[in-house]
Amino acid sequence: MQWTLVIPLKPLALAKSRLADTATDGLRPGLALAFAEDTVAAALASPAVRDVAVVTDDALAARTLAGLGARIVPDEPRAGLNAALTHGAAAVRAIRPGSALAALNADLPALRPPELARVLDAAAEFPRAFLPDAAAVGTTLLTAAPGRALDPAFGTDSRARHRASGAEELRLDAVDSVRQDVDTGEDLRAALLLGVGPRTAAATARLLIPGQ
């Protein structure tokens, strides 16, 4: 099964506020963009991925990610993460009604294409499925088979919320790069240990990160 990924990205100036202990206000937008670039590039390189739609109203991010091959969907609802994902899914299926969809976080800078393919192949067995994040509280990926609504419930305790919605929890080993999103300095250190993409590596080279 080939998947279309829907990746939401808030305006860069508002992104990654929880990295304040690691990066200054001036550096965080660049980090957020680097994370998204490495995520999109790795996703497009995965054999299970047909294409990527990024939902964003950030002009710089839109230009940059379109240059990598992503389709840009303006965030017309401007009503938060789940509304952006629902809007993006509808935009994809307006063009390709039979698409298998996967919502993917934009902050997976260590993402490895083969690991993403393994997760998506496992998800193909279910109408809806999700992968918990490294903290086992949130969600980094949510899938919907052709003909099924995505029904995203990202945010606080999204692992429990997606499970309660009827989505199947994927219990896979050796897919750490798909689980490791980056919200905090500790998350960033964990991603760096896994091995991040080139844009994140360049963006973090100016940071002094204890334990790196």
Protein backbone atom coordinates (compact mmCIF):
# COMPACT_ATOMS: atom_id res chain seq x y z
CA MET A 1 0.00 0.00 0.00
CA GLN A 2 1.20 3.49 -0.88
CA TRP A 3 0.44 6.31 1.53
CA THR A 4 -0.07 10.04 1.36
CA LEU A 5 1.33 11.71 4.46
CA VAL A 6 -0.29 14.81 5.92
CA ILE A 7 2.19 16.84 7.97
CA PRO A 8 1.00 19.89 9.93
CA LEU A 9 3.38 22.76 10.65
CA LYS A 10 2.46 25.84 12.66
CA PRO A 11 4.03 29.24 11.85
CA LEU A 12 7.73 28.97 12.57
CA ALA A 13 7.72 32.01 14.87
CA LEU A 14 5.35 30.15 17.19
CA ALA A 15 7.01 26.75 17.01
CA LYS A 16 9.01 24.88 19.62
CA SER A 17 8.48 27.17 22.59
CA ARG A 18 9.38 24.28 24.92
CA LEU A 19 12.93 24.39 23.54
CA ALA A 20 13.46 27.72 25.29
CA ASP A 21 15.93 26.10 27.70
CA THR A 22 18.04 24.92 24.76
CA ALA A 23 17.65 27.50 22.00
CA THR A 24 17.01 31.25 21.98
CA ASP A 25 13.96 32.86 20.43
CA GLY A 26 16.06 33.71 17.39
CA LEU A 27 17.19 30.12 16.82
CA ARG A 28 13.96 28.20 17.43
CA PRO A 29 12.23 29.06 14.11
CA GLY A 30 15.27 27.78 12.22
CA LEU A 31 15.31 24.61 14.28
CA ALA A 32 11.61 24.01 13.64
CA LEU A 33 12.15 24.42 9.91
CA ALA A 34 15.18 22.12 9.95
CA PHE A 35 13.18 19.44 11.78
CA ALA A 36 10.41 19.72 9.20
CA GLU A 37 12.84 19.61 6.27
CA ASP A 38 14.50 16.44 7.52
CA THR A 39 11.12 14.89 8.29
CA VAL A 40 9.72 15.64 4.83
CA ALA A 41 12.89 14.55 3.03
CA ALA A 42 13.00 11.23 4.89
CA ALA A 43 9.28 10.65 4.37
CA LEU A 44 9.54 11.23 0.63
CA ALA A 45 12.45 8.78 0.50
CA SER A 46 10.40 6.00 2.12
CA PRO A 47 9.25 3.29 -0.30
CA ALA A 48 5.81 3.19 1.34
CA VAL A 49 5.13 6.90 0.70
CA ARG A 50 3.47 8.14 -2.49
CA ASP A 51 3.54 11.83 -1.61
CA VAL A 52 3.47 14.36 1.22
CA ALA A 53 1.07 17.22 1.89
CA VAL A 54 2.23 19.85 4.38
CA VAL A 55 -0.48 21.96 6.00
CA THR A 56 1.01 25.34 6.85
CA ASP A 57 0.48 29.07 6.53
CA ASP A 58 4.17 29.88 7.04
CA ALA A 59 5.49 31.36 3.79
CA LEU A 60 9.13 30.40 4.33
CA ALA A 61 8.27 26.85 5.35
CA ALA A 62 5.91 26.52 2.39
CA ARG A 63 8.58 27.60 -0.11
CA THR A 64 11.26 25.44 1.46
CA LEU A 65 9.21 22.27 1.81
CA ALA A 66 7.68 22.65 -1.64
CA GLY A 67 11.25 22.74 -2.91
CA LEU A 68 11.76 19.29 -1.41
CA GLY A 69 8.73 17.94 -3.27
CA ALA A 70 5.91 18.39 -0.76
CA ARG A 71 2.49 19.68 -1.75
CA ILE A 72 1.50 22.69 0.35
CA VAL A 73 -2.04 22.99 1.71
CA PRO A 74 -2.85 26.38 3.31
CA ASP A 75 -4.13 26.05 6.86
CA GLU A 76 -7.48 27.63 6.14
CA PRO A 77 -9.19 26.61 9.42
CA ARG A 78 -6.40 28.10 11.54
CA ALA A 79 -8.01 26.26 14.45
CA GLY A 80 -5.17 24.11 15.74
CA LEU A 81 -3.47 20.83 14.96
CA ASN A 82 -6.44 18.51 14.57
CA ALA A 83 -8.39 20.96 12.42
CA ALA A 84 -5.32 21.38 10.20
CA LEU A 85 -4.99 17.61 9.79
CA THR A 86 -8.67 17.15 9.00
CA HIS A 87 -8.44 19.94 6.44
CA GLY A 88 -5.30 18.47 4.90
CA ALA A 89 -6.87 15.01 4.68
CA ALA A 90 -9.93 16.46 2.94
CA ALA A 91 -7.72 18.35 0.47
CA VAL A 92 -5.84 15.15 -0.40
CA ARG A 93 -8.98 13.08 -0.84
CA ALA A 94 -10.65 15.75 -2.94
CA ILE A 95 -8.00 14.95 -5.55
CA ARG A 96 -7.44 11.26 -4.79
CA PRO A 97 -10.51 9.86 -2.99
CA GLY A 98 -9.03 6.41 -2.50
CA SER A 99 -5.88 7.56 -0.73
CA ALA A 100 -4.51 5.80 2.30
CA LEU A 101 -3.63 8.62 4.69
CA ALA A 102 -1.14 9.02 7.49
CA ALA A 103 -0.78 12.05 9.73
CA LEU A 104 2.85 12.49 10.71
CA ASN A 105 4.49 14.94 13.11
CA ALA A 106 6.75 17.57 11.55
CA ASP A 107 9.40 17.24 14.26
CA LEU A 108 11.00 13.86 13.57
CA PRO A 109 14.51 14.95 12.55
CA ALA A 110 16.00 11.47 13.02
CA LEU A 111 13.35 9.83 10.80
CA ARG A 112 14.66 6.88 8.77
CA PRO A 113 12.81 5.90 5.59
CA PRO A 114 12.97 2.10 6.16
CA GLU A 115 11.59 2.45 9.70
CA LEU A 116 8.73 4.62 8.45
CA ALA A 117 7.97 2.03 5.78
CA ARG A 118 7.86 -0.69 8.42
CA VAL A 119 5.39 1.28 10.51
CA LEU A 120 3.17 2.04 7.52
CA ASP A 121 3.24 -1.58 6.35
CA ALA A 122 2.08 -2.67 9.81
CA ALA A 123 -0.63 -0.01 9.82
CA ALA A 124 -2.00 -1.30 6.51
CA GLU A 125 -3.54 -4.23 8.39
CA PHE A 126 -6.01 -1.97 10.21
CA PRO A 127 -8.73 0.57 9.34
CA ARG A 128 -7.02 3.11 11.60
CA ALA A 129 -3.79 2.77 13.55
CA PHE A 130 -1.33 4.90 15.47
CA LEU A 131 2.22 4.85 16.80
CA PRO A 132 2.92 6.20 20.29
CA ASP A 133 5.78 8.64 20.75
CA ALA A 134 9.00 7.87 22.61
CA ALA A 135 7.47 9.11 25.88
CA ALA A 136 4.56 6.65 25.44
CA VAL A 137 2.08 9.47 26.09
CA GLY A 138 1.63 11.17 22.73
CA THR A 139 1.38 10.07 19.10
CA THR A 140 3.73 10.61 16.18
CA LEU A 141 1.75 8.88 13.44
CA LEU A 142 -1.92 8.13 12.80
CA THR A 143 -3.20 6.25 9.76
CA ALA A 144 -6.51 5.81 7.98
CA ALA A 145 -7.10 3.18 5.32
CA PRO A 146 -8.87 4.11 2.07
CA GLY A 147 -12.46 5.02 2.79
CA ARG A 148 -11.83 5.67 6.48
CA ALA A 149 -11.76 9.07 8.16
CA LEU A 150 -8.51 10.10 9.81
CA ASP A 151 -10.29 11.39 12.95
CA PRO A 152 -7.17 12.90 14.58
CA ALA A 153 -7.00 13.42 18.33
CA PHE A 154 -3.51 14.83 18.75
CA GLY A 155 -2.61 16.91 21.79
CA THR A 156 -2.44 16.08 25.49
CA ASP A 157 -2.58 12.31 26.16
CA SER A 158 -3.15 11.58 22.48
CA ARG A 159 -2.03 7.97 22.89
CA ALA A 160 -4.99 7.30 25.18
CA ARG A 161 -7.31 9.40 23.05
CA HIS A 162 -6.41 7.61 19.82
CA ARG A 163 -6.80 4.24 21.50
CA ALA A 164 -10.21 5.30 22.82
CA SER A 165 -11.23 6.38 19.31
CA GLY A 166 -10.83 2.80 18.09
CA ALA A 167 -7.46 3.15 16.37
CA GLU A 168 -5.13 0.18 16.72
CA GLU A 169 -1.95 0.85 18.69
CA LEU A 170 1.08 -0.37 16.75
CA ARG A 171 3.49 -2.23 19.02
CA LEU A 172 6.73 -2.34 17.07
CA ASP A 173 10.36 -2.55 18.10
CA ALA A 174 13.28 -0.90 16.30
CA VAL A 175 11.32 2.07 14.94
CA ASP A 176 12.78 4.62 17.35
CA SER A 177 13.28 7.22 14.64
CA VAL A 178 9.52 7.32 13.98
CA ARG A 179 8.76 7.70 17.69
CA GLN A 180 11.29 10.39 18.58
CA ASP A 181 9.61 13.74 18.16
CA VAL A 182 11.28 16.84 19.56
CA ASP A 183 9.53 19.16 21.99
CA THR A 184 12.16 19.62 24.71
CA GLY A 185 15.91 19.80 25.05
CA GLU A 186 15.91 16.22 26.33
CA ASP A 187 14.02 15.12 23.22
CA LEU A 188 16.55 16.88 21.03
CA ARG A 189 19.43 15.13 22.77
CA ALA A 190 17.70 11.78 22.20
CA ALA A 191 17.19 12.56 18.52
CA LEU A 192 20.83 13.58 18.12
CA LEU A 193 21.90 10.27 19.63
CA LEU A 194 19.77 8.44 17.07
CA GLY A 195 21.32 10.49 14.27
CA VAL A 196 19.50 13.44 12.75
CA GLY A 197 19.22 14.58 9.16
CA PRO A 198 21.66 17.06 7.62
CA ARG A 199 19.56 20.19 8.11
CA THR A 200 19.00 19.54 11.80
CA ALA A 201 22.67 18.66 12.23
CA ALA A 202 23.63 22.01 10.74
CA ALA A 203 21.02 23.93 12.76
CA THR A 204 22.08 22.36 16.06
CA ALA A 205 25.79 22.82 15.46
CA ARG A 206 25.51 26.28 17.02
CA LEU A 207 23.87 24.97 20.18
CA LEU A 208 25.63 23.89 23.31
CA ILE A 209 23.64 20.85 24.36
CA PRO A 210 24.78 19.12 27.57
CA GLY A 211 25.01 15.38 27.16
CA GLN A 212 25.16 15.53 23.38
